[in-house]
Amino acid sequence: MRLVLHFSILLTVAGVAWSQGLTEAAALVGGGSAASGGAKKVGQGIAAVLQNVNTSASKAAKSGVKTADKFSENVVLQTAPGGVVKDHSLVPPPPPAKKVAAVVPPPPPLTPPSPAVSTPVRALPPAPQATADDLKTLASGTSKAEVLKLGAPASRVTMFDDGHLVEIFRYQARDIAIGVVRLSDGSVTSVEVR
């Protein structure tokens, strides 16, 4: 508290001395220019400006002494005109928090694939192929399942005829036609062997 009080007294004395110096400077400028008629007005203008500065400085110095006595130790003197200001008003706000980007860890190194153990795959036996002799053994009324056991036909035609499901199976060996089997509602109706 004493340091603040001493400092404010020192400022007051400096302000009064400053204002006294300004007043004397104004008197010199005003009196020194009396020799010339046009310069006299300039000197008076400068003297008036310096007098206004002197008045403002002395008011500021006087108000600084009075307000310094009212506050406690947490008071700081302001350098601009206006007197004493509380300490918290001069403290700048804290800087904004810095945001740190999240660092993504690199992916783990790729491990070479282990050699694949190949197991031998058994080949399926070839599908049975119907021959002309097999087709000759088919009798009228044989089921569709028995016909397909002989082998898969090379082509199939399915249609409806008078409310019955009619199927025509064509058999061939390589590019040579072997025969045609007609079925109606899942039973053999006729066999043509070539």
Protein backbone atom coordinates (compact mmCIF):
# COMPACT_ATOMS: atom_id res chain seq x y z
CA MET A 1 0.00 0.00 0.00
CA ARG A 2 2.85 2.35 0.84
CA LEU A 3 4.52 1.63 -2.49
CA VAL A 4 1.35 2.57 -4.33
CA LEU A 5 0.94 5.71 -2.26
CA HIS A 6 4.58 6.75 -2.81
CA PHE A 7 4.23 6.09 -6.50
CA SER A 8 1.04 8.16 -6.74
CA ILE A 9 2.72 11.07 -4.87
CA LEU A 10 5.66 10.85 -7.24
CA LEU A 11 3.29 11.00 -10.19
CA THR A 12 1.53 14.01 -8.72
CA VAL A 13 4.77 15.92 -8.22
CA ALA A 14 5.89 14.99 -11.75
CA GLY A 15 2.55 16.14 -13.16
CA VAL A 16 2.72 19.49 -11.35
CA ALA A 17 6.30 20.00 -12.52
CA TRP A 18 5.29 19.12 -16.04
CA SER A 19 2.39 21.56 -16.00
CA GLN A 20 4.66 24.30 -14.59
CA GLY A 21 7.14 23.64 -17.40
CA LEU A 22 4.37 23.84 -19.97
CA THR A 23 3.18 27.15 -18.59
CA GLU A 24 6.68 28.63 -18.72
CA ALA A 25 7.20 27.37 -22.27
CA ALA A 26 3.94 28.99 -23.32
CA ALA A 27 5.00 32.32 -21.79
CA LEU A 28 8.33 32.23 -23.64
CA VAL A 29 6.73 31.43 -26.95
CA GLY A 30 4.08 34.10 -26.50
CA GLY A 31 6.46 36.83 -25.31
CA GLY A 32 9.25 36.10 -27.78
CA SER A 33 7.04 36.61 -30.76
CA ALA A 34 5.83 40.09 -29.73
CA ALA A 35 8.27 41.69 -32.15
CA SER A 36 6.32 40.71 -35.19
CA GLY A 37 2.63 41.53 -35.53
CA GLY A 38 1.48 38.32 -37.35
CA ALA A 39 3.51 36.04 -35.14
CA LYS A 40 1.86 37.43 -32.02
CA LYS A 41 -1.42 35.66 -32.86
CA VAL A 42 0.45 32.41 -33.45
CA GLY A 43 2.17 32.75 -30.11
CA GLN A 44 -1.15 33.39 -28.37
CA GLY A 45 -2.66 30.32 -30.01
CA ILE A 46 0.23 28.15 -28.88
CA ALA A 47 0.03 29.64 -25.38
CA ALA A 48 -3.70 28.83 -25.23
CA VAL A 49 -3.10 25.24 -26.32
CA LEU A 50 -0.31 24.78 -23.79
CA GLN A 51 -2.49 26.32 -21.07
CA ASN A 52 -5.24 23.78 -21.87
CA VAL A 53 -2.67 20.98 -21.68
CA ASN A 54 -1.45 22.39 -18.35
CA THR A 55 -4.99 22.44 -16.96
CA SER A 56 -5.70 18.89 -18.12
CA ALA A 57 -2.42 17.57 -16.71
CA SER A 58 -2.96 19.18 -13.32
CA LYS A 59 -6.51 17.78 -13.10
CA ALA A 60 -5.24 14.31 -13.94
CA ALA A 61 -2.49 14.55 -11.37
CA LYS A 62 -4.89 15.70 -8.64
CA SER A 63 -7.43 12.96 -9.37
CA GLY A 64 -4.68 10.32 -9.22
CA VAL A 65 -3.76 11.23 -5.64
CA LYS A 66 -7.33 11.19 -4.39
CA THR A 67 -8.26 7.85 -5.93
CA ALA A 68 -5.05 6.09 -4.86
CA ASP A 69 -6.00 6.48 -1.20
CA LYS A 70 -9.32 4.69 -1.66
CA PHE A 71 -8.03 1.32 -2.93
CA SER A 72 -6.13 -1.52 -1.33
CA GLU A 73 -2.88 -3.24 -2.34
CA ASN A 74 -4.32 -4.97 -5.42
CA VAL A 75 -4.55 -1.64 -7.30
CA VAL A 76 -2.34 -0.77 -10.27
CA LEU A 77 -1.92 2.74 -11.68
CA GLN A 78 -2.99 3.23 -15.28
CA THR A 79 -0.53 5.08 -17.53
CA ALA A 80 -3.20 6.87 -19.58
CA PRO A 81 -5.38 9.60 -18.06
CA GLY A 82 -8.20 8.28 -15.96
CA GLY A 83 -6.66 7.43 -12.63
CA VAL A 84 -6.41 4.10 -10.84
CA VAL A 85 -7.93 0.92 -12.20
CA LYS A 86 -8.48 -2.41 -10.46
CA ASP A 87 -5.88 -5.10 -11.15
CA HIS A 88 -8.20 -7.58 -12.86
CA SER A 89 -9.13 -5.10 -15.58
CA LEU A 90 -5.55 -5.00 -16.92
CA VAL A 91 -5.04 -8.75 -17.03
CA PRO A 92 -5.49 -10.01 -20.60
CA PRO A 93 -7.69 -13.05 -21.09
CA PRO A 94 -5.91 -16.39 -21.29
CA PRO A 95 -4.97 -17.57 -24.78
CA PRO A 96 -7.36 -19.99 -26.44
CA ALA A 97 -6.68 -23.64 -25.76
CA LYS A 98 -4.61 -25.27 -28.46
CA LYS A 99 -6.23 -28.21 -30.12
CA VAL A 100 -3.96 -31.07 -30.91
CA ALA A 101 -4.82 -33.29 -33.84
CA ALA A 102 -5.14 -36.93 -33.03
CA VAL A 103 -2.33 -38.93 -34.57
CA VAL A 104 -3.52 -42.15 -36.11
CA PRO A 105 -1.02 -44.93 -35.51
CA PRO A 106 0.32 -46.56 -38.65
CA PRO A 107 -1.18 -49.91 -39.56
CA PRO A 108 0.74 -52.98 -38.44
CA PRO A 109 3.16 -54.36 -41.02
CA LEU A 110 1.71 -56.92 -43.35
CA THR A 111 2.82 -60.44 -42.70
CA PRO A 112 3.42 -62.60 -45.74
CA PRO A 113 0.73 -65.20 -46.21
CA SER A 114 1.64 -68.67 -45.14
CA PRO A 115 2.00 -71.14 -47.98
CA ALA A 116 -1.32 -72.75 -48.64
CA VAL A 117 -1.48 -76.44 -48.10
CA SER A 118 -3.27 -77.86 -51.04
CA THR A 119 -5.22 -81.00 -50.61
CA PRO A 120 -5.90 -83.01 -53.68
CA VAL A 121 -9.46 -82.71 -54.88
CA ARG A 122 -11.00 -85.87 -56.13
CA ALA A 123 -12.54 -85.50 -59.49
CA LEU A 124 -16.12 -86.59 -59.68
CA PRO A 125 -16.82 -89.38 -62.03
CA PRO A 126 -18.25 -88.18 -65.31
CA ALA A 127 -22.01 -88.01 -65.54
CA PRO A 128 -23.46 -91.05 -67.18
CA GLN A 129 -24.14 -90.73 -70.90
CA ALA A 130 -27.22 -92.39 -72.28
CA THR A 131 -26.63 -94.61 -75.28
CA ALA A 132 -29.02 -95.84 -77.97
CA ASP A 133 -29.14 -99.26 -76.28
CA ASP A 134 -30.13 -97.61 -72.96
CA LEU A 135 -32.97 -95.74 -74.63
CA LYS A 136 -34.27 -98.98 -76.23
CA THR A 137 -34.77 -100.47 -72.73
CA LEU A 138 -37.24 -97.78 -71.73
CA ALA A 139 -40.81 -98.95 -71.70
CA SER A 140 -44.02 -96.95 -71.72
CA GLY A 141 -44.94 -95.74 -68.19
CA THR A 142 -41.34 -95.56 -66.91
CA SER A 143 -40.94 -92.70 -64.40
CA LYS A 144 -39.06 -89.53 -65.12
CA ALA A 145 -36.55 -90.34 -62.32
CA GLU A 146 -35.62 -93.66 -64.01
CA VAL A 147 -35.09 -91.88 -67.34
CA LEU A 148 -32.79 -89.29 -65.74
CA LYS A 149 -30.69 -92.06 -64.13
CA LEU A 150 -29.59 -93.03 -67.67
CA GLY A 151 -28.05 -89.56 -68.12
CA ALA A 152 -28.94 -85.94 -68.57
CA PRO A 153 -30.59 -85.05 -71.88
CA ALA A 154 -28.81 -82.65 -74.26
CA SER A 155 -31.99 -80.51 -74.41
CA ARG A 156 -35.40 -80.33 -72.76
CA VAL A 157 -38.70 -78.91 -73.91
CA THR A 158 -41.55 -78.49 -71.42
CA MET A 159 -45.12 -77.51 -72.38
CA PHE A 160 -48.77 -77.95 -71.44
CA ASP A 161 -51.06 -79.86 -73.80
CA ASP A 162 -54.78 -80.36 -72.97
CA GLY A 163 -54.10 -79.95 -69.22
CA HIS A 164 -51.13 -82.36 -69.21
CA LEU A 165 -47.46 -81.55 -68.60
CA VAL A 166 -45.55 -82.76 -71.65
CA GLU A 167 -41.74 -83.02 -71.63
CA ILE A 168 -39.48 -83.90 -74.56
CA PHE A 169 -35.89 -85.05 -73.80
CA ARG A 170 -33.40 -85.12 -76.71
CA TYR A 171 -30.28 -87.24 -76.30
CA GLN A 172 -27.13 -87.02 -78.39
CA ALA A 173 -23.53 -88.19 -78.26
CA ARG A 174 -21.18 -85.48 -79.39
CA ASP A 175 -22.91 -84.03 -82.46
CA ILE A 176 -24.96 -87.10 -83.39
CA ALA A 177 -28.62 -87.39 -82.27
CA ILE A 178 -29.33 -90.68 -80.46
CA GLY A 179 -33.02 -90.42 -79.67
CA VAL A 180 -36.03 -88.58 -78.28
CA VAL A 181 -38.07 -89.54 -75.19
CA ARG A 182 -41.59 -88.10 -74.65
CA LEU A 183 -43.07 -87.90 -71.17
CA SER A 184 -46.57 -86.90 -70.10
CA ASP A 185 -47.22 -86.00 -66.45
CA GLY A 186 -43.86 -87.59 -65.41
CA SER A 187 -44.24 -90.96 -67.28
CA VAL A 188 -42.72 -92.12 -70.58
CA THR A 189 -45.26 -92.16 -73.43
CA SER A 190 -42.95 -92.83 -76.40
CA VAL A 191 -39.25 -93.47 -77.26
CA GLU A 192 -37.66 -92.84 -80.69
CA VAL A 193 -34.16 -94.23 -81.14
CA ARG A 194 -32.11 -93.18 -84.21
